[in-house]
Amino acid sequence: MKFFSLETADFADGLTVATGYSAALQRRTDVTLYHTGPGPLVILLHGVYGSHWAWTGNGSAHRILDRLQASGEVPPMTFAMPSDGGFGIGSGYLTRPGEDVESWVVDELPALAAEVCPSVDRSRIAIAGLSMGGWGALRLAGRHPGTFVAASGMSPLTELGQITDFAPIGDHARHTPAAEPLAEILTRKGIPPFRIACGTGDDLITPVRALHQQLSDAGVAHEYDEAPGEHDWTYWRSELAETLRFLARHVK
């Protein structure tokens, strides 16, 4: 499935924004890209209320990557930071009739990244996200075995019902297929190495701890971390550095 790029523009700090027509979504959509040299592709998914600019505008993701690359902790890579599809005030990265968000992220986005940044290595793709995007990253990694070499969920939702606490606008019950709890998805065969992290002051810490315990009881290998922090960008900026170190070990 091809994403047809209609227009790109370069912005400060080496950022590129692309708008194009997504056959999967059946409409235009946007992605911000940051490319530091030949290497793996890392997809970063935003949370509720956000869009493709959130990881750079609020998260300083590109500057964090620059710092870690300069210190030799991570290799050159390309960030692809897409819009979630624009449903309601948060799509949950769920597929609905007429809008296949999963194909947009899993199939079209890597093709777009390679179109804009030809030296990106599409054989090494990692995915990460925060909150709704953390749910999306872990869910997509489990649902598409063999696509991603690693995944990370920062402060992730753990089941679909939680999304209404953050995104009350939109019928999130209407999606295909049914959104299984993350614990069920992450116990499937073929799941790539993954990390789960949450701030101890986050309202989601209790269900995230429960997810960690379920996975541990099931013998599912994963990296888990708690650190002081809340459900906010202060925590996510700090956690992104840890996530990139984790992903770097696996994209190599």
C-alpha atoms as a PDB file:
ATOM      1  CA  MET A   1       0.000   0.000   0.000  1.00  0.00           C
ATOM      2  CA  LYS A   2       1.570   3.300  -1.066  1.00  0.00           C
ATOM      3  CA  PHE A   3       1.284   6.620   0.667  1.00  0.00           C
ATOM      4  CA  PHE A   4       1.205   9.347  -1.963  1.00  0.00           C
ATOM      5  CA  SER A   5       3.196  12.289  -0.661  1.00  0.00           C
ATOM      6  CA  LEU A   6       1.690  15.539  -1.908  1.00  0.00           C
ATOM      7  CA  GLU A   7       3.876  18.154  -0.287  1.00  0.00           C
ATOM      8  CA  THR A   8       6.844  18.405   2.056  1.00  0.00           C
ATOM      9  CA  ALA A   9       8.436  21.324   3.844  1.00  0.00           C
ATOM     10  CA  ASP A  10      11.676  21.609   5.802  1.00  0.00           C
ATOM     11  CA  PHE A  11      11.592  23.426   9.109  1.00  0.00           C
ATOM     12  CA  ALA A  12      14.130  24.506  11.703  1.00  0.00           C
ATOM     13  CA  ASP A  13      16.362  21.909  13.397  1.00  0.00           C
ATOM     14  CA  GLY A  14      16.275  19.602  10.383  1.00  0.00           C
ATOM     15  CA  LEU A  15      12.615  18.642  10.730  1.00  0.00           C
ATOM     16  CA  THR A  16      10.555  17.757   7.666  1.00  0.00           C
ATOM     17  CA  VAL A  17       6.755  17.754   7.577  1.00  0.00           C
ATOM     18  CA  ALA A  18       4.968  15.769   4.875  1.00  0.00           C
ATOM     19  CA  THR A  19       1.284  15.838   3.956  1.00  0.00           C
ATOM     20  CA  GLY A  20      -0.145  13.278   1.597  1.00  0.00           C
ATOM     21  CA  TYR A  21      -3.076  11.125   0.691  1.00  0.00           C
ATOM     22  CA  SER A  22      -3.422   7.927   2.683  1.00  0.00           C
ATOM     23  CA  ALA A  23      -5.312   5.186   0.847  1.00  0.00           C
ATOM     24  CA  ALA A  24      -5.740   3.425   4.180  1.00  0.00           C
ATOM     25  CA  LEU A  25      -7.387   6.426   5.831  1.00  0.00           C
ATOM     26  CA  GLN A  26      -9.021   7.642   2.606  1.00  0.00           C
ATOM     27  CA  ARG A  27      -7.959  11.235   3.306  1.00  0.00           C
ATOM     28  CA  ARG A  28      -4.958  13.473   3.700  1.00  0.00           C
ATOM     29  CA  THR A  29      -2.795  13.098   6.773  1.00  0.00           C
ATOM     30  CA  ASP A  30       0.501  14.369   8.153  1.00  0.00           C
ATOM     31  CA  VAL A  31       3.813  13.144   9.513  1.00  0.00           C
ATOM     32  CA  THR A  32       6.869  14.881  10.956  1.00  0.00           C
ATOM     33  CA  LEU A  33      10.238  13.282  10.166  1.00  0.00           C
ATOM     34  CA  TYR A  34      13.717  13.697  11.596  1.00  0.00           C
ATOM     35  CA  HIS A  35      16.649  12.007   9.883  1.00  0.00           C
ATOM     36  CA  THR A  36      20.174  11.879  11.288  1.00  0.00           C
ATOM     37  CA  GLY A  37      21.751   9.481   8.797  1.00  0.00           C
ATOM     38  CA  PRO A  38      21.518   5.960   7.353  1.00  0.00           C
ATOM     39  CA  GLY A  39      20.013   3.658   9.944  1.00  0.00           C
ATOM     40  CA  PRO A  40      16.828   2.229  11.434  1.00  0.00           C
ATOM     41  CA  LEU A  41      13.359   3.759  11.450  1.00  0.00           C
ATOM     42  CA  VAL A  42      11.744   4.583  14.784  1.00  0.00           C
ATOM     43  CA  ILE A  43       8.010   5.349  14.760  1.00  0.00           C
ATOM     44  CA  LEU A  44       6.820   7.564  17.626  1.00  0.00           C
ATOM     45  CA  LEU A  45       3.074   7.655  18.331  1.00  0.00           C
ATOM     46  CA  HIS A  46       1.478  10.609  20.121  1.00  0.00           C
ATOM     47  CA  GLY A  47      -1.284  10.602  22.713  1.00  0.00           C
ATOM     48  CA  VAL A  48      -4.792  12.011  22.953  1.00  0.00           C
ATOM     49  CA  TYR A  49      -5.201  15.666  21.899  1.00  0.00           C
ATOM     50  CA  GLY A  50      -1.850  15.543  20.088  1.00  0.00           C
ATOM     51  CA  SER A  51      -0.786  15.296  16.483  1.00  0.00           C
ATOM     52  CA  HIS A  52       2.301  14.682  14.370  1.00  0.00           C
ATOM     53  CA  TRP A  53       4.139  17.689  15.835  1.00  0.00           C
ATOM     54  CA  ALA A  54       3.720  16.690  19.499  1.00  0.00           C
ATOM     55  CA  TRP A  55       6.895  14.633  19.905  1.00  0.00           C
ATOM     56  CA  THR A  56       9.090  17.472  18.637  1.00  0.00           C
ATOM     57  CA  GLY A  57       7.099  20.506  19.742  1.00  0.00           C
ATOM     58  CA  ASN A  58       6.439  19.280  23.287  1.00  0.00           C
ATOM     59  CA  GLY A  59       8.811  16.353  23.637  1.00  0.00           C
ATOM     60  CA  SER A  60      12.020  17.704  22.056  1.00  0.00           C
ATOM     61  CA  ALA A  61      12.465  14.217  20.629  1.00  0.00           C
ATOM     62  CA  HIS A  62      14.893  15.333  17.933  1.00  0.00           C
ATOM     63  CA  ARG A  63      17.117  17.125  20.444  1.00  0.00           C
ATOM     64  CA  ILE A  64      17.127  14.087  22.730  1.00  0.00           C
ATOM     65  CA  LEU A  65      18.173  11.930  19.778  1.00  0.00           C
ATOM     66  CA  ASP A  66      20.948  14.383  18.879  1.00  0.00           C
ATOM     67  CA  ARG A  67      22.297  14.282  22.427  1.00  0.00           C
ATOM     68  CA  LEU A  68      22.270  10.489  22.652  1.00  0.00           C
ATOM     69  CA  GLN A  69      23.796  10.106  19.203  1.00  0.00           C
ATOM     70  CA  ALA A  70      26.563  12.584  20.015  1.00  0.00           C
ATOM     71  CA  SER A  71      27.455  10.563  23.122  1.00  0.00           C
ATOM     72  CA  GLY A  72      27.502   7.336  21.115  1.00  0.00           C
ATOM     73  CA  GLU A  73      24.586   5.790  22.998  1.00  0.00           C
ATOM     74  CA  VAL A  74      22.375   5.358  19.926  1.00  0.00           C
ATOM     75  CA  PRO A  75      23.095   5.041  16.196  1.00  0.00           C
ATOM     76  CA  PRO A  76      21.889   7.390  13.470  1.00  0.00           C
ATOM     77  CA  MET A  77      18.194   6.836  12.844  1.00  0.00           C
ATOM     78  CA  THR A  78      15.064   8.339  11.376  1.00  0.00           C
ATOM     79  CA  PHE A  79      12.068   9.363  13.476  1.00  0.00           C
ATOM     80  CA  ALA A  80       8.654   9.119  11.812  1.00  0.00           C
ATOM     81  CA  MET A  81       6.024  10.829  13.964  1.00  0.00           C
ATOM     82  CA  PRO A  82       2.586  10.443  12.372  1.00  0.00           C
ATOM     83  CA  SER A  83      -0.854  11.817  13.026  1.00  0.00           C
ATOM     84  CA  ASP A  84      -3.059   9.170  14.628  1.00  0.00           C
ATOM     85  CA  GLY A  85      -5.630   9.437  11.829  1.00  0.00           C
ATOM     86  CA  GLY A  86      -7.651  12.314  13.245  1.00  0.00           C
ATOM     87  CA  PHE A  87     -10.634  10.444  14.705  1.00  0.00           C
ATOM     88  CA  GLY A  88     -12.411  12.336  17.500  1.00  0.00           C
ATOM     89  CA  ILE A  89      -9.742  13.684  19.836  1.00  0.00           C
ATOM     90  CA  GLY A  90      -7.854  10.386  19.845  1.00  0.00           C
ATOM     91  CA  SER A  91      -8.235   7.426  17.500  1.00  0.00           C
ATOM     92  CA  GLY A  92      -6.595   4.817  19.729  1.00  0.00           C
ATOM     93  CA  TYR A  93      -4.776   3.723  16.556  1.00  0.00           C
ATOM     94  CA  LEU A  94      -7.785   1.490  15.930  1.00  0.00           C
ATOM     95  CA  THR A  95      -9.217   0.437  12.591  1.00  0.00           C
ATOM     96  CA  ARG A  96     -12.801   1.369  11.785  1.00  0.00           C
ATOM     97  CA  PRO A  97     -14.947   1.034   8.677  1.00  0.00           C
ATOM     98  CA  GLY A  98     -13.496   3.388   6.087  1.00  0.00           C
ATOM     99  CA  GLU A  99     -10.300   4.183   7.981  1.00  0.00           C
ATOM    100  CA  ASP A 100      -7.554   1.605   8.447  1.00  0.00           C
ATOM    101  CA  VAL A 101      -5.258   3.299  10.931  1.00  0.00           C
ATOM    102  CA  GLU A 102      -3.198   0.143  11.384  1.00  0.00           C
ATOM    103  CA  SER A 103      -2.255   0.047   7.692  1.00  0.00           C
ATOM    104  CA  TRP A 104      -1.479   3.758   7.765  1.00  0.00           C
ATOM    105  CA  VAL A 105       1.085   3.239  10.543  1.00  0.00           C
ATOM    106  CA  VAL A 106       2.381  -0.242   9.693  1.00  0.00           C
ATOM    107  CA  ASP A 107       2.412  -0.179   5.872  1.00  0.00           C
ATOM    108  CA  GLU A 108       2.187   3.359   4.496  1.00  0.00           C
ATOM    109  CA  LEU A 109       4.311   5.220   7.030  1.00  0.00           C
ATOM    110  CA  PRO A 110       7.543   3.256   6.427  1.00  0.00           C
ATOM    111  CA  ALA A 111       7.057   3.730   2.674  1.00  0.00           C
ATOM    112  CA  LEU A 112       6.638   7.469   3.175  1.00  0.00           C
ATOM    113  CA  ALA A 113       9.713   7.646   5.410  1.00  0.00           C
ATOM    114  CA  ALA A 114      11.769   5.910   2.724  1.00  0.00           C
ATOM    115  CA  GLU A 115      10.416   8.296   0.090  1.00  0.00           C
ATOM    116  CA  VAL A 116      11.479  11.363   2.069  1.00  0.00           C
ATOM    117  CA  CYS A 117      14.647   9.823   3.601  1.00  0.00           C
ATOM    118  CA  PRO A 118      15.954   7.272   1.059  1.00  0.00           C
ATOM    119  CA  SER A 119      18.781   5.984   3.282  1.00  0.00           C
ATOM    120  CA  VAL A 120      16.439   4.756   6.020  1.00  0.00           C
ATOM    121  CA  ASP A 121      16.719   1.015   6.691  1.00  0.00           C
ATOM    122  CA  ARG A 122      13.193  -0.404   6.438  1.00  0.00           C
ATOM    123  CA  SER A 123      14.415  -3.820   7.570  1.00  0.00           C
ATOM    124  CA  ARG A 124      14.917  -2.361  11.044  1.00  0.00           C
ATOM    125  CA  ILE A 125      11.767  -0.674  12.341  1.00  0.00           C
ATOM    126  CA  ALA A 126      11.011   0.023  15.999  1.00  0.00           C
ATOM    127  CA  ILE A 127       7.854   1.567  17.428  1.00  0.00           C
ATOM    128  CA  ALA A 128       7.170   3.511  20.624  1.00  0.00           C
ATOM    129  CA  GLY A 129       4.534   5.837  21.990  1.00  0.00           C
ATOM    130  CA  LEU A 130       3.111   7.582  25.024  1.00  0.00           C
ATOM    131  CA  SER A 131      -0.269   7.100  26.720  1.00  0.00           C
ATOM    132  CA  MET A 132      -2.715   6.312  23.881  1.00  0.00           C
ATOM    133  CA  GLY A 133       0.347   6.013  21.652  1.00  0.00           C
ATOM    134  CA  GLY A 134       1.957   3.624  24.154  1.00  0.00           C
ATOM    135  CA  TRP A 135      -1.100   1.416  23.852  1.00  0.00           C
ATOM    136  CA  GLY A 136      -0.926   1.777  20.082  1.00  0.00           C
ATOM    137  CA  ALA A 137       2.780   0.923  19.861  1.00  0.00           C
ATOM    138  CA  LEU A 138       2.550  -2.209  21.993  1.00  0.00           C
ATOM    139  CA  ARG A 139      -0.698  -3.317  20.376  1.00  0.00           C
ATOM    140  CA  LEU A 140       0.605  -2.916  16.827  1.00  0.00           C
ATOM    141  CA  ALA A 141       3.845  -4.711  17.702  1.00  0.00           C
ATOM    142  CA  GLY A 142       1.832  -7.665  18.960  1.00  0.00           C
ATOM    143  CA  ARG A 143      -0.631  -7.683  16.100  1.00  0.00           C
ATOM    144  CA  HIS A 144       2.018  -7.531  13.370  1.00  0.00           C
ATOM    145  CA  PRO A 145       4.705 -10.073  14.246  1.00  0.00           C
ATOM    146  CA  GLY A 146       7.869  -9.721  12.224  1.00  0.00           C
ATOM    147  CA  THR A 147       7.268  -6.058  11.385  1.00  0.00           C
ATOM    148  CA  PHE A 148       9.049  -4.439  14.329  1.00  0.00           C
ATOM    149  CA  VAL A 149      12.375  -5.348  15.908  1.00  0.00           C
ATOM    150  CA  ALA A 150      11.463  -3.694  19.228  1.00  0.00           C
ATOM    151  CA  ALA A 151       8.669  -1.716  20.881  1.00  0.00           C
ATOM    152  CA  SER A 152       8.120   0.523  23.882  1.00  0.00           C
ATOM    153  CA  GLY A 153       5.038   1.815  25.663  1.00  0.00           C
ATOM    154  CA  MET A 154       5.416   4.869  27.899  1.00  0.00           C
ATOM    155  CA  SER A 155       2.561   5.344  30.387  1.00  0.00           C
ATOM    156  CA  PRO A 156       0.440   3.102  28.147  1.00  0.00           C
ATOM    157  CA  LEU A 157      -3.260   2.532  28.322  1.00  0.00           C
ATOM    158  CA  THR A 158      -3.788  -1.173  28.973  1.00  0.00           C
ATOM    159  CA  GLU A 159      -7.334  -1.671  27.692  1.00  0.00           C
ATOM    160  CA  LEU A 160      -9.700   0.122  25.357  1.00  0.00           C
ATOM    161  CA  GLY A 161     -12.099   1.304  28.051  1.00  0.00           C
ATOM    162  CA  GLN A 162      -9.449   3.615  29.494  1.00  0.00           C
ATOM    163  CA  ILE A 163      -9.383   5.724  26.353  1.00  0.00           C
ATOM    164  CA  THR A 164     -12.707   7.349  27.233  1.00  0.00           C
ATOM    165  CA  ASP A 165     -11.026   8.872  30.307  1.00  0.00           C
ATOM    166  CA  PHE A 166      -8.755  10.799  27.946  1.00  0.00           C
ATOM    167  CA  ALA A 167     -10.751  10.987  24.694  1.00  0.00           C
ATOM    168  CA  PRO A 168     -14.475  11.158  25.516  1.00  0.00           C
ATOM    169  CA  ILE A 169     -15.376  12.417  22.033  1.00  0.00           C
ATOM    170  CA  GLY A 170     -15.883   9.663  19.448  1.00  0.00           C
ATOM    171  CA  ASP A 171     -17.396   6.200  19.297  1.00  0.00           C
ATOM    172  CA  HIS A 172     -14.412   4.086  20.283  1.00  0.00           C
ATOM    173  CA  ALA A 173     -16.541   0.952  20.473  1.00  0.00           C
ATOM    174  CA  ARG A 174     -16.757   0.934  16.662  1.00  0.00           C
ATOM    175  CA  HIS A 175     -13.552  -0.576  15.443  1.00  0.00           C
ATOM    176  CA  THR A 176     -12.354  -3.665  13.605  1.00  0.00           C
ATOM    177  CA  PRO A 177     -11.124  -6.000  14.931  1.00  0.00           C
ATOM    178  CA  ALA A 178     -12.023  -5.993  18.610  1.00  0.00           C
ATOM    179  CA  ALA A 179      -9.387  -4.340  20.753  1.00  0.00           C
ATOM    180  CA  GLU A 180      -8.167  -7.083  23.051  1.00  0.00           C
ATOM    181  CA  PRO A 181      -6.511  -6.146  26.356  1.00  0.00           C
ATOM    182  CA  LEU A 182      -2.769  -5.591  25.981  1.00  0.00           C
ATOM    183  CA  ALA A 183      -1.985  -8.545  28.248  1.00  0.00           C
ATOM    184  CA  GLU A 184      -3.591 -10.882  25.735  1.00  0.00           C
ATOM    185  CA  ILE A 185      -1.797  -9.353  22.752  1.00  0.00           C
ATOM    186  CA  LEU A 186       1.613  -9.293  24.413  1.00  0.00           C
ATOM    187  CA  THR A 187       1.555 -13.001  25.242  1.00  0.00           C
ATOM    188  CA  ARG A 188       1.326 -14.012  21.571  1.00  0.00           C
ATOM    189  CA  LYS A 189       4.146 -15.701  19.718  1.00  0.00           C
ATOM    190  CA  GLY A 190       6.346 -13.476  17.614  1.00  0.00           C
ATOM    191  CA  ILE A 191       6.201 -10.445  19.903  1.00  0.00           C
ATOM    192  CA  PRO A 192       9.449  -8.446  19.570  1.00  0.00           C
ATOM    193  CA  PRO A 193      11.477  -7.328  22.597  1.00  0.00           C
ATOM    194  CA  PHE A 194       9.483  -4.639  24.356  1.00  0.00           C
ATOM    195  CA  ARG A 195       9.668  -2.186  27.229  1.00  0.00           C
ATOM    196  CA  ILE A 196       6.918  -0.793  29.466  1.00  0.00           C
ATOM    197  CA  ALA A 197       7.495   2.257  31.675  1.00  0.00           C
ATOM    198  CA  CYS A 198       5.305   4.484  33.807  1.00  0.00           C
ATOM    199  CA  GLY A 199       5.689   7.297  36.297  1.00  0.00           C
ATOM    200  CA  THR A 200       4.882   6.437  39.901  1.00  0.00           C
ATOM    201  CA  GLY A 201       2.655   9.513  40.174  1.00  0.00           C
ATOM    202  CA  ASP A 202       0.652   8.608  37.056  1.00  0.00           C
ATOM    203  CA  ASP A 203      -3.019   7.640  37.449  1.00  0.00           C
ATOM    204  CA  LEU A 204      -2.266   4.706  35.119  1.00  0.00           C
ATOM    205  CA  ILE A 205       0.399   3.211  37.380  1.00  0.00           C
ATOM    206  CA  THR A 206      -1.977   0.667  38.957  1.00  0.00           C
ATOM    207  CA  PRO A 207      -3.179  -0.923  35.685  1.00  0.00           C
ATOM    208  CA  VAL A 208       0.351  -0.729  34.264  1.00  0.00           C
ATOM    209  CA  ARG A 209       1.693  -2.580  37.308  1.00  0.00           C
ATOM    210  CA  ALA A 210      -1.076  -5.140  36.882  1.00  0.00           C
ATOM    211  CA  LEU A 211      -0.095  -5.613  33.223  1.00  0.00           C
ATOM    212  CA  HIS A 212       3.544  -6.087  34.221  1.00  0.00           C
ATOM    213  CA  GLN A 213       2.509  -8.707  36.786  1.00  0.00           C
ATOM    214  CA  GLN A 214       0.301 -10.556  34.295  1.00  0.00           C
ATOM    215  CA  LEU A 215       3.150 -10.722  31.800  1.00  0.00           C
ATOM    216  CA  SER A 216       5.618 -11.841  34.458  1.00  0.00           C
ATOM    217  CA  ASP A 217       3.247 -14.553  35.659  1.00  0.00           C
ATOM    218  CA  ALA A 218       2.867 -15.737  32.056  1.00  0.00           C
ATOM    219  CA  GLY A 219       6.642 -15.890  31.615  1.00  0.00           C
ATOM    220  CA  VAL A 220       6.687 -13.164  28.959  1.00  0.00           C
ATOM    221  CA  ALA A 221      10.114 -11.546  28.817  1.00  0.00           C
ATOM    222  CA  HIS A 222       9.984  -7.755  28.856  1.00  0.00           C
ATOM    223  CA  GLU A 223      11.752  -4.742  30.307  1.00  0.00           C
ATOM    224  CA  TYR A 224       9.813  -2.811  32.932  1.00  0.00           C
ATOM    225  CA  ASP A 225      10.633   0.437  34.676  1.00  0.00           C
ATOM    226  CA  GLU A 226       9.047   2.819  37.139  1.00  0.00           C
ATOM    227  CA  ALA A 227      10.437   6.230  37.958  1.00  0.00           C
ATOM    228  CA  PRO A 228       9.150   9.351  39.698  1.00  0.00           C
ATOM    229  CA  GLY A 229       6.863  11.246  37.345  1.00  0.00           C
ATOM    230  CA  GLU A 230       3.322  11.938  36.264  1.00  0.00           C
ATOM    231  CA  HIS A 231       1.317  11.701  33.040  1.00  0.00           C
ATOM    232  CA  ASP A 232       3.087  14.621  31.438  1.00  0.00           C
ATOM    233  CA  TRP A 233       5.856  15.723  29.109  1.00  0.00           C
ATOM    234  CA  THR A 234       8.406  16.137  31.885  1.00  0.00           C
ATOM    235  CA  TYR A 235       8.260  12.396  32.485  1.00  0.00           C
ATOM    236  CA  TRP A 236       7.991  11.448  28.791  1.00  0.00           C
ATOM    237  CA  ARG A 237      11.054  13.492  27.801  1.00  0.00           C
ATOM    238  CA  SER A 238      13.078  11.658  30.427  1.00  0.00           C
ATOM    239  CA  GLU A 239      11.620   8.274  29.501  1.00  0.00           C
ATOM    240  CA  LEU A 240      12.199   8.802  25.784  1.00  0.00           C
ATOM    241  CA  ALA A 241      15.952   8.795  26.434  1.00  0.00           C
ATOM    242  CA  GLU A 242      15.646   5.450  28.230  1.00  0.00           C
ATOM    243  CA  THR A 243      13.390   4.098  25.480  1.00  0.00           C
ATOM    244  CA  LEU A 244      15.871   5.082  22.768  1.00  0.00           C
ATOM    245  CA  ARG A 245      18.691   3.354  24.641  1.00  0.00           C
ATOM    246  CA  PHE A 246      16.515   0.236  24.826  1.00  0.00           C
ATOM    247  CA  LEU A 247      15.543   0.385  21.163  1.00  0.00           C
ATOM    248  CA  ALA A 248      19.156   0.998  20.117  1.00  0.00           C
ATOM    249  CA  ARG A 249      20.205  -2.326  21.648  1.00  0.00           C
ATOM    250  CA  HIS A 250      17.778  -4.136  19.366  1.00  0.00           C
ATOM    251  CA  VAL A 251      17.917  -2.173  16.117  1.00  0.00           C
ATOM    252  CA  LYS A 252      21.659  -2.880  15.942  1.00  0.00           C
END
